[in-house]
Amino acid sequence: MSIHDIWDNISEAALNEGKFKDKESDIYPDGHYTWKIVGFDYFIGKNSGNEHHKWGLEVADGIMQGKFTEDFGNATEIGIKILKQKLYLLTGRIPGVEEVFDAEENKAGPIKGEVLGRLVSGKKVTKRKDGKDYVSIYFNSIPAAGYQGGYEPPPHTDADAPFDGEDLPF
């Protein structure tokens, strides 16, 4: 094989696959955020034999920009309903189960390529139970077209000029 055989088959999403694989979640406050989806997987747990899905999310803007968190779900009726809702929000369609889970490879199917790199706005909520924190991530909306994250200051106006006191009426 040569570079010509392989180059175009490696997507931008594949470049970031290993980058977040074993990354620890950062601690940051609950609240509303816009995240970039940097990871998605669906798999059968080695020890439990249960099916799980996992999102890797990186805060896209604001003071918490770059903070990483994971959102987990299980193959229960509620867990799959939530996963299906999230995928519908991100893609605008309900993907087939074979697009979500590649059972032979025990990993996410081709839907992964459609969701990696996408932006989603939502809410992070942490609940404490039996001395352990559990994070839930709610996907609420897709940012408006053209939104790239980050902060851009408004354009300069005369109101930004230094105040010299000459225009006071007294």
N, C-alpha and C. Protein backbone atom coordinates (compact mmCIF):
# COMPACT_ATOMS: atom_id res chain seq x y z
N MET A 1 0.84 -1.19 0.00
CA MET A 1 0.00 0.00 0.00
C MET A 1 0.87 1.25 0.00
N SER A 2 0.28 2.33 -0.50
CA SER A 2 1.00 3.59 -0.51
C SER A 2 0.11 4.68 0.07
N ILE A 3 0.68 5.85 0.21
CA ILE A 3 -0.08 7.00 0.73
C ILE A 3 -1.29 7.28 -0.15
N HIS A 4 -1.16 7.03 -1.45
CA HIS A 4 -2.26 7.28 -2.39
C HIS A 4 -3.45 6.35 -2.14
N ASP A 5 -3.19 5.17 -1.61
CA ASP A 5 -4.25 4.21 -1.32
C ASP A 5 -4.98 4.52 -0.02
N ILE A 6 -4.33 5.23 0.88
CA ILE A 6 -4.85 5.39 2.23
C ILE A 6 -5.31 6.81 2.55
N TRP A 7 -4.64 7.81 2.04
CA TRP A 7 -4.82 9.21 2.45
C TRP A 7 -6.28 9.64 2.54
N ASP A 8 -7.05 9.50 1.47
CA ASP A 8 -8.43 10.00 1.45
C ASP A 8 -9.39 9.16 2.30
N ASN A 9 -8.96 8.00 2.74
CA ASN A 9 -9.81 7.15 3.57
C ASN A 9 -9.75 7.51 5.05
N ILE A 10 -8.85 8.41 5.44
CA ILE A 10 -8.73 8.82 6.84
C ILE A 10 -9.44 10.16 7.01
N SER A 11 -10.55 10.14 7.75
CA SER A 11 -11.36 11.34 7.93
C SER A 11 -10.78 12.24 9.01
N GLU A 12 -11.25 13.48 9.05
CA GLU A 12 -10.84 14.41 10.10
C GLU A 12 -11.24 13.86 11.46
N ALA A 13 -12.42 13.22 11.54
CA ALA A 13 -12.88 12.65 12.80
C ALA A 13 -11.91 11.57 13.29
N ALA A 14 -11.38 10.78 12.37
CA ALA A 14 -10.46 9.71 12.75
C ALA A 14 -9.16 10.27 13.32
N LEU A 15 -8.77 11.47 12.93
CA LEU A 15 -7.55 12.07 13.45
C LEU A 15 -7.63 12.31 14.95
N ASN A 16 -8.84 12.58 15.45
CA ASN A 16 -9.01 12.88 16.87
C ASN A 16 -9.44 11.68 17.70
N GLU A 17 -9.65 10.53 17.07
CA GLU A 17 -10.17 9.37 17.78
C GLU A 17 -9.37 9.01 19.03
N GLY A 18 -8.10 8.82 18.92
CA GLY A 18 -7.28 8.39 20.05
C GLY A 18 -7.00 9.51 21.04
N LYS A 19 -7.11 10.74 20.60
CA LYS A 19 -6.76 11.90 21.43
C LYS A 19 -7.55 11.95 22.73
N PHE A 20 -8.81 11.53 22.72
CA PHE A 20 -9.67 11.63 23.90
C PHE A 20 -10.01 10.25 24.48
N LYS A 21 -9.42 9.19 23.94
CA LYS A 21 -9.80 7.83 24.32
C LYS A 21 -9.73 7.58 25.82
N ASP A 22 -8.63 7.88 26.45
CA ASP A 22 -8.46 7.60 27.88
C ASP A 22 -8.36 8.88 28.71
N LYS A 23 -8.90 9.96 28.20
CA LYS A 23 -8.83 11.24 28.90
C LYS A 23 -9.79 11.25 30.08
N GLU A 24 -9.34 11.81 31.18
CA GLU A 24 -10.19 11.96 32.37
C GLU A 24 -11.11 13.16 32.20
N SER A 25 -12.31 13.06 32.76
CA SER A 25 -13.23 14.19 32.71
C SER A 25 -12.74 15.30 33.63
N ASP A 26 -12.87 16.53 33.15
CA ASP A 26 -12.52 17.69 33.96
C ASP A 26 -13.68 18.02 34.89
N ILE A 27 -13.35 18.67 35.98
CA ILE A 27 -14.39 19.14 36.91
C ILE A 27 -14.65 20.60 36.58
N TYR A 28 -15.90 20.92 36.28
CA TYR A 28 -16.31 22.30 36.04
C TYR A 28 -17.77 22.43 36.44
N PRO A 29 -18.23 23.65 36.71
CA PRO A 29 -19.56 23.84 37.28
C PRO A 29 -20.69 23.38 36.36
N ASP A 30 -21.79 23.00 36.99
CA ASP A 30 -23.01 22.72 36.24
C ASP A 30 -23.47 24.00 35.56
N GLY A 31 -24.20 23.85 34.48
CA GLY A 31 -24.73 25.02 33.78
C GLY A 31 -24.97 24.72 32.31
N HIS A 32 -25.22 25.78 31.58
CA HIS A 32 -25.49 25.69 30.14
C HIS A 32 -24.19 25.89 29.38
N TYR A 33 -23.94 25.01 28.42
CA TYR A 33 -22.71 25.06 27.65
C TYR A 33 -22.98 24.72 26.18
N THR A 34 -22.04 25.08 25.34
CA THR A 34 -21.99 24.56 23.98
C THR A 34 -20.76 23.67 23.93
N TRP A 35 -20.98 22.43 23.50
CA TRP A 35 -19.90 21.45 23.43
C TRP A 35 -19.60 21.08 21.99
N LYS A 36 -18.34 20.73 21.76
CA LYS A 36 -17.95 20.09 20.51
C LYS A 36 -17.88 18.59 20.82
N ILE A 37 -18.49 17.79 19.97
CA ILE A 37 -18.47 16.34 20.18
C ILE A 37 -17.12 15.82 19.66
N VAL A 38 -16.32 15.32 20.59
CA VAL A 38 -14.98 14.84 20.25
C VAL A 38 -14.87 13.33 20.38
N GLY A 39 -15.94 12.69 20.83
CA GLY A 39 -15.92 11.24 20.96
C GLY A 39 -17.33 10.68 20.98
N PHE A 40 -17.50 9.52 20.40
CA PHE A 40 -18.75 8.77 20.51
C PHE A 40 -18.41 7.31 20.34
N ASP A 41 -18.97 6.48 21.20
CA ASP A 41 -18.78 5.04 21.06
C ASP A 41 -20.01 4.31 21.58
N TYR A 42 -20.20 3.13 21.06
CA TYR A 42 -21.25 2.22 21.51
C TYR A 42 -20.57 0.86 21.60
N PHE A 43 -20.73 0.17 22.74
CA PHE A 43 -19.95 -1.05 22.95
C PHE A 43 -20.60 -1.94 23.99
N ILE A 44 -20.16 -3.19 24.01
CA ILE A 44 -20.55 -4.15 25.04
C ILE A 44 -19.41 -4.20 26.04
N GLY A 45 -19.73 -3.94 27.32
CA GLY A 45 -18.72 -3.94 28.38
C GLY A 45 -18.07 -5.31 28.54
N LYS A 46 -16.76 -5.32 28.72
CA LYS A 46 -16.01 -6.57 28.83
C LYS A 46 -16.42 -7.38 30.06
N ASN A 47 -16.61 -6.69 31.18
CA ASN A 47 -16.92 -7.40 32.42
C ASN A 47 -18.42 -7.66 32.60
N SER A 48 -19.23 -6.68 32.26
CA SER A 48 -20.67 -6.79 32.53
C SER A 48 -21.44 -7.50 31.42
N GLY A 49 -20.95 -7.40 30.19
CA GLY A 49 -21.71 -7.94 29.07
C GLY A 49 -22.87 -7.05 28.66
N ASN A 50 -23.00 -5.89 29.32
CA ASN A 50 -24.08 -4.95 29.01
C ASN A 50 -23.63 -3.97 27.93
N GLU A 51 -24.60 -3.46 27.17
CA GLU A 51 -24.31 -2.47 26.15
C GLU A 51 -24.32 -1.07 26.75
N HIS A 52 -23.39 -0.24 26.28
CA HIS A 52 -23.24 1.13 26.75
C HIS A 52 -22.94 2.05 25.58
N HIS A 53 -23.24 3.32 25.77
CA HIS A 53 -22.76 4.32 24.81
C HIS A 53 -22.11 5.45 25.60
N LYS A 54 -21.19 6.15 24.93
CA LYS A 54 -20.41 7.17 25.61
C LYS A 54 -20.16 8.32 24.64
N TRP A 55 -20.41 9.52 25.12
CA TRP A 55 -20.11 10.75 24.38
C TRP A 55 -18.89 11.40 25.02
N GLY A 56 -17.99 11.93 24.22
CA GLY A 56 -16.87 12.75 24.68
C GLY A 56 -17.18 14.18 24.25
N LEU A 57 -17.23 15.09 25.20
CA LEU A 57 -17.65 16.47 24.92
C LEU A 57 -16.62 17.46 25.44
N GLU A 58 -16.30 18.45 24.62
CA GLU A 58 -15.35 19.50 25.00
C GLU A 58 -16.06 20.84 24.92
N VAL A 59 -16.02 21.62 26.00
CA VAL A 59 -16.67 22.93 26.01
C VAL A 59 -16.08 23.78 24.90
N ALA A 60 -16.96 24.38 24.08
CA ALA A 60 -16.52 25.09 22.87
C ALA A 60 -16.23 26.56 23.08
N ASP A 61 -16.71 27.16 24.17
CA ASP A 61 -16.50 28.59 24.34
C ASP A 61 -16.59 29.00 25.80
N GLY A 62 -16.37 30.27 26.04
CA GLY A 62 -16.49 30.81 27.40
C GLY A 62 -15.29 30.48 28.27
N ILE A 63 -15.42 30.78 29.53
CA ILE A 63 -14.33 30.62 30.48
C ILE A 63 -13.96 29.15 30.68
N MET A 64 -14.88 28.24 30.41
CA MET A 64 -14.61 26.81 30.56
C MET A 64 -14.17 26.15 29.25
N GLN A 65 -13.90 26.95 28.23
CA GLN A 65 -13.51 26.42 26.92
C GLN A 65 -12.38 25.40 27.07
N GLY A 66 -12.55 24.26 26.41
CA GLY A 66 -11.54 23.21 26.44
C GLY A 66 -11.76 22.16 27.51
N LYS A 67 -12.65 22.43 28.47
CA LYS A 67 -12.92 21.43 29.52
C LYS A 67 -13.63 20.23 28.90
N PHE A 68 -13.24 19.05 29.34
CA PHE A 68 -13.72 17.80 28.76
C PHE A 68 -14.60 17.06 29.75
N THR A 69 -15.65 16.44 29.23
CA THR A 69 -16.50 15.58 30.06
C THR A 69 -17.02 14.44 29.22
N GLU A 70 -17.39 13.37 29.90
CA GLU A 70 -18.00 12.23 29.22
C GLU A 70 -19.43 12.07 29.72
N ASP A 71 -20.26 11.60 28.83
CA ASP A 71 -21.67 11.33 29.15
C ASP A 71 -21.94 9.88 28.77
N PHE A 72 -22.36 9.09 29.74
CA PHE A 72 -22.58 7.66 29.53
C PHE A 72 -24.07 7.33 29.51
N GLY A 73 -24.40 6.26 28.82
CA GLY A 73 -25.76 5.74 28.82
C GLY A 73 -25.74 4.23 28.67
N ASN A 74 -26.83 3.60 29.05
CA ASN A 74 -26.94 2.14 28.98
C ASN A 74 -28.04 1.73 28.02
N ALA A 75 -28.03 0.45 27.67
CA ALA A 75 -29.05 -0.09 26.77
C ALA A 75 -30.28 -0.50 27.57
N THR A 76 -30.93 0.51 28.13
CA THR A 76 -32.24 0.33 28.74
C THR A 76 -33.23 1.06 27.85
N GLU A 77 -34.51 0.88 28.08
CA GLU A 77 -35.48 1.57 27.23
C GLU A 77 -35.31 3.09 27.32
N ILE A 78 -35.08 3.60 28.52
CA ILE A 78 -34.90 5.04 28.68
C ILE A 78 -33.56 5.47 28.06
N GLY A 79 -32.50 4.72 28.30
CA GLY A 79 -31.18 5.07 27.77
C GLY A 79 -31.15 5.10 26.26
N ILE A 80 -31.80 4.13 25.61
CA ILE A 80 -31.82 4.09 24.15
C ILE A 80 -32.72 5.20 23.61
N LYS A 81 -33.81 5.51 24.30
CA LYS A 81 -34.67 6.62 23.87
C LYS A 81 -33.89 7.93 23.88
N ILE A 82 -33.12 8.17 24.94
CA ILE A 82 -32.32 9.39 25.04
C ILE A 82 -31.25 9.42 23.94
N LEU A 83 -30.58 8.30 23.72
CA LEU A 83 -29.58 8.22 22.65
C LEU A 83 -30.21 8.53 21.30
N LYS A 84 -31.35 7.95 21.05
CA LYS A 84 -32.06 8.15 19.77
C LYS A 84 -32.44 9.63 19.60
N GLN A 85 -32.90 10.27 20.69
CA GLN A 85 -33.25 11.69 20.64
C GLN A 85 -32.01 12.54 20.35
N LYS A 86 -30.90 12.23 20.99
CA LYS A 86 -29.66 12.99 20.77
C LYS A 86 -29.18 12.83 19.33
N LEU A 87 -29.20 11.62 18.80
CA LEU A 87 -28.77 11.39 17.42
C LEU A 87 -29.70 12.09 16.43
N TYR A 88 -31.01 12.09 16.73
CA TYR A 88 -31.96 12.78 15.86
C TYR A 88 -31.69 14.29 15.85
N LEU A 89 -31.43 14.86 17.02
CA LEU A 89 -31.11 16.28 17.11
C LEU A 89 -29.86 16.60 16.30
N LEU A 90 -28.84 15.78 16.42
CA LEU A 90 -27.56 16.04 15.75
C LEU A 90 -27.59 15.83 14.24
N THR A 91 -28.34 14.82 13.79
CA THR A 91 -28.30 14.45 12.37
C THR A 91 -29.56 14.83 11.60
N GLY A 92 -30.64 15.12 12.32
CA GLY A 92 -31.90 15.43 11.65
C GLY A 92 -32.63 14.21 11.14
N ARG A 93 -32.19 13.04 11.56
CA ARG A 93 -32.83 11.80 11.15
C ARG A 93 -32.62 10.75 12.24
N ILE A 94 -33.39 9.69 12.16
CA ILE A 94 -33.21 8.57 13.07
C ILE A 94 -32.39 7.51 12.34
N PRO A 95 -31.14 7.33 12.75
CA PRO A 95 -30.29 6.34 12.06
C PRO A 95 -30.74 4.92 12.37
N GLY A 96 -30.42 4.01 11.47
CA GLY A 96 -30.67 2.60 11.71
C GLY A 96 -29.73 2.07 12.79
N VAL A 97 -30.16 1.03 13.46
CA VAL A 97 -29.36 0.48 14.56
C VAL A 97 -27.98 0.04 14.08
N GLU A 98 -27.88 -0.45 12.84
CA GLU A 98 -26.57 -0.88 12.31
C GLU A 98 -25.63 0.30 12.08
N GLU A 99 -26.18 1.51 11.97
CA GLU A 99 -25.34 2.71 11.86
C GLU A 99 -24.79 3.12 13.23
N VAL A 100 -25.51 2.74 14.28
CA VAL A 100 -25.12 3.12 15.64
C VAL A 100 -24.16 2.11 16.26
N PHE A 101 -24.38 0.83 16.01
CA PHE A 101 -23.56 -0.21 16.65
C PHE A 101 -23.09 -1.23 15.64
N ASP A 102 -21.78 -1.38 15.53
CA ASP A 102 -21.15 -2.41 14.73
C ASP A 102 -20.85 -3.57 15.68
N ALA A 103 -21.76 -4.53 15.76
CA ALA A 103 -21.64 -5.62 16.73
C ALA A 103 -20.40 -6.48 16.48
N GLU A 104 -20.02 -6.70 15.23
CA GLU A 104 -18.84 -7.51 14.93
C GLU A 104 -17.56 -6.90 15.47
N GLU A 105 -17.47 -5.58 15.40
CA GLU A 105 -16.27 -4.87 15.88
C GLU A 105 -16.41 -4.38 17.32
N ASN A 106 -17.62 -4.49 17.90
CA ASN A 106 -17.93 -4.00 19.25
C ASN A 106 -17.55 -2.52 19.40
N LYS A 107 -18.06 -1.72 18.46
CA LYS A 107 -17.82 -0.28 18.51
C LYS A 107 -18.93 0.44 17.77
N ALA A 108 -18.91 1.76 17.86
CA ALA A 108 -19.90 2.57 17.17
C ALA A 108 -19.79 2.35 15.67
N GLY A 109 -20.95 2.40 15.02
CA GLY A 109 -20.99 2.27 13.57
C GLY A 109 -20.71 3.59 12.88
N PRO A 110 -21.08 3.69 11.61
CA PRO A 110 -20.74 4.87 10.80
C PRO A 110 -21.39 6.18 11.26
N ILE A 111 -22.37 6.13 12.15
CA ILE A 111 -22.98 7.37 12.64
C ILE A 111 -21.93 8.22 13.36
N LYS A 112 -20.90 7.57 13.87
CA LYS A 112 -19.83 8.28 14.57
C LYS A 112 -19.23 9.37 13.69
N GLY A 113 -19.02 9.07 12.42
CA GLY A 113 -18.47 10.05 11.49
C GLY A 113 -19.37 11.25 11.28
N GLU A 114 -20.68 11.07 11.47
CA GLU A 114 -21.62 12.18 11.30
C GLU A 114 -21.70 13.08 12.52
N VAL A 115 -21.39 12.55 13.70
CA VAL A 115 -21.56 13.35 14.92
C VAL A 115 -20.25 13.96 15.44
N LEU A 116 -19.11 13.33 15.16
CA LEU A 116 -17.85 13.89 15.64
C LEU A 116 -17.61 15.26 15.00
N GLY A 117 -17.21 16.20 15.83
CA GLY A 117 -16.95 17.56 15.36
C GLY A 117 -18.16 18.47 15.39
N ARG A 118 -19.35 17.91 15.58
CA ARG A 118 -20.57 18.72 15.62
C ARG A 118 -20.63 19.50 16.93
N LEU A 119 -21.33 20.63 16.91
CA LEU A 119 -21.56 21.42 18.11
C LEU A 119 -22.98 21.19 18.60
N VAL A 120 -23.15 21.16 19.91
CA VAL A 120 -24.47 21.01 20.51
C VAL A 120 -24.51 21.84 21.79
N SER A 121 -25.64 22.50 22.01
CA SER A 121 -25.84 23.29 23.23
C SER A 121 -26.72 22.50 24.17
N GLY A 122 -26.44 22.63 25.45
CA GLY A 122 -27.23 21.89 26.43
C GLY A 122 -26.88 22.26 27.84
N LYS A 123 -27.17 21.34 28.73
CA LYS A 123 -27.04 21.60 30.15
C LYS A 123 -26.30 20.45 30.83
N LYS A 124 -25.41 20.80 31.74
CA LYS A 124 -24.68 19.82 32.55
C LYS A 124 -25.25 19.88 33.96
N VAL A 125 -25.64 18.71 34.48
CA VAL A 125 -26.21 18.62 35.82
C VAL A 125 -25.50 17.49 36.57
N THR A 126 -25.01 17.80 37.77
CA THR A 126 -24.35 16.79 38.60
C THR A 126 -25.21 16.50 39.81
N LYS A 127 -25.42 15.20 40.06
CA LYS A 127 -26.17 14.77 41.25
C LYS A 127 -25.27 13.86 42.05
N ARG A 128 -25.37 14.00 43.37
CA ARG A 128 -24.55 13.19 44.27
C ARG A 128 -25.42 12.10 44.87
N LYS A 129 -24.94 10.86 44.77
CA LYS A 129 -25.68 9.73 45.32
C LYS A 129 -24.68 8.77 45.94
N ASP A 130 -24.90 8.41 47.17
CA ASP A 130 -24.02 7.48 47.89
C ASP A 130 -22.56 7.93 47.86
N GLY A 131 -22.34 9.25 47.98
CA GLY A 131 -21.00 9.80 48.03
C GLY A 131 -20.29 9.89 46.69
N LYS A 132 -21.00 9.63 45.60
CA LYS A 132 -20.39 9.67 44.27
C LYS A 132 -21.17 10.65 43.40
N ASP A 133 -20.43 11.41 42.58
CA ASP A 133 -21.05 12.36 41.66
C ASP A 133 -21.41 11.67 40.35
N TYR A 134 -22.61 11.94 39.86
CA TYR A 134 -23.08 11.44 38.58
C TYR A 134 -23.44 12.63 37.71
N VAL A 135 -22.80 12.71 36.54
CA VAL A 135 -23.02 13.83 35.62
C VAL A 135 -24.02 13.40 34.55
N SER A 136 -25.01 14.25 34.32
CA SER A 136 -25.94 14.06 33.21
C SER A 136 -25.79 15.23 32.26
N ILE A 137 -25.78 14.93 30.98
CA ILE A 137 -25.69 15.95 29.95
C ILE A 137 -26.97 15.90 29.12
N TYR A 138 -27.61 17.05 29.01
CA TYR A 138 -28.83 17.16 28.23
C TYR A 138 -28.53 17.96 26.98
N PHE A 139 -28.79 17.38 25.80
CA PHE A 139 -28.64 18.09 24.53
C PHE A 139 -29.93 18.84 24.28
N ASN A 140 -29.85 20.16 24.10
CA ASN A 140 -31.05 20.96 23.91
C ASN A 140 -31.22 21.51 22.50
N SER A 141 -30.13 21.91 21.86
CA SER A 141 -30.26 22.53 20.54
C SER A 141 -28.93 22.50 19.80
N ILE A 142 -29.03 22.78 18.52
CA ILE A 142 -27.86 22.92 17.68
C ILE A 142 -27.60 24.42 17.56
N PRO A 143 -26.38 24.90 17.78
CA PRO A 143 -26.11 26.33 17.64
C PRO A 143 -26.45 26.82 16.22
N ALA A 144 -26.76 28.10 16.13
CA ALA A 144 -27.13 28.70 14.84
C ALA A 144 -26.01 28.51 13.82
N ALA A 145 -26.41 28.44 12.55
CA ALA A 145 -25.43 28.30 11.47
C ALA A 145 -24.40 29.41 11.57
N GLY A 146 -23.16 29.06 11.36
CA GLY A 146 -22.08 30.03 11.42
C GLY A 146 -21.43 30.14 12.78
N TYR A 147 -22.06 29.60 13.83
CA TYR A 147 -21.47 29.65 15.17
C TYR A 147 -20.23 28.78 15.19
N GLN A 148 -19.13 29.32 15.63
CA GLN A 148 -17.88 28.58 15.67
C GLN A 148 -17.34 28.42 17.09
N GLY A 149 -18.04 28.97 18.06
CA GLY A 149 -17.53 28.92 19.43
C GLY A 149 -16.56 30.06 19.65
N GLY A 150 -16.16 30.22 20.86
CA GLY A 150 -15.23 31.30 21.18
C GLY A 150 -15.94 32.63 21.33
N TYR A 151 -15.22 33.64 21.76
CA TYR A 151 -15.78 34.96 21.99
C TYR A 151 -15.12 35.96 21.06
N GLU A 152 -15.95 36.76 20.41
CA GLU A 152 -15.42 37.85 19.60
C GLU A 152 -15.99 39.15 20.15
N PRO A 153 -15.13 40.11 20.46
CA PRO A 153 -15.63 41.37 21.01
C PRO A 153 -16.43 42.13 19.96
N PRO A 154 -17.39 42.95 20.43
CA PRO A 154 -18.17 43.73 19.48
C PRO A 154 -17.27 44.75 18.77
N PRO A 155 -17.71 45.23 17.61
CA PRO A 155 -16.90 46.21 16.89
C PRO A 155 -16.77 47.51 17.70
N HIS A 156 -15.69 48.25 17.49
CA HIS A 156 -15.43 49.51 18.20
C HIS A 156 -16.47 50.56 17.81
N THR A 157 -16.95 51.30 18.79
CA THR A 157 -17.87 52.41 18.55
C THR A 157 -17.35 53.65 19.26
N ASP A 158 -17.97 54.81 18.97
CA ASP A 158 -17.57 56.04 19.66
C ASP A 158 -17.84 55.95 21.15
N ALA A 159 -18.79 55.12 21.55
CA ALA A 159 -19.09 54.97 22.97
C ALA A 159 -17.91 54.37 23.73
N ASP A 160 -17.01 53.72 23.01
CA ASP A 160 -15.85 53.12 23.64
C ASP A 160 -14.71 54.11 23.86
N ALA A 161 -14.85 55.33 23.30
CA ALA A 161 -13.79 56.34 23.42
C ALA A 161 -13.66 56.78 24.87
N PRO A 162 -12.47 57.17 25.28
CA PRO A 162 -12.29 57.62 26.67
C PRO A 162 -13.18 58.83 26.97
N PHE A 163 -13.70 58.88 28.19
CA PHE A 163 -14.55 59.98 28.61
C PHE A 163 -13.67 61.15 29.06
N ASP A 164 -13.91 62.32 28.44
CA ASP A 164 -13.07 63.47 28.81
C ASP A 164 -13.83 64.52 29.61
N GLY A 165 -15.12 64.36 29.80
CA GLY A 165 -15.91 65.28 30.63
C GLY A 165 -16.30 66.56 29.95
N GLU A 166 -15.93 66.84 28.72
CA GLU A 166 -16.23 68.08 28.04
C GLU A 166 -17.70 68.22 27.63
N ASP A 167 -18.42 67.13 27.51
CA ASP A 167 -19.80 67.20 27.04
C ASP A 167 -20.81 67.32 28.19
N LEU A 168 -20.35 67.48 29.41
CA LEU A 168 -21.29 67.62 30.53
C LEU A 168 -21.98 68.97 30.47
N PRO A 169 -23.32 69.02 30.70
CA PRO A 169 -24.07 70.26 30.59
C PRO A 169 -23.90 71.21 31.79
N PHE A 170 -23.15 70.92 32.75
CA PHE A 170 -22.97 71.81 33.92
C PHE A 170 -21.55 72.18 34.14
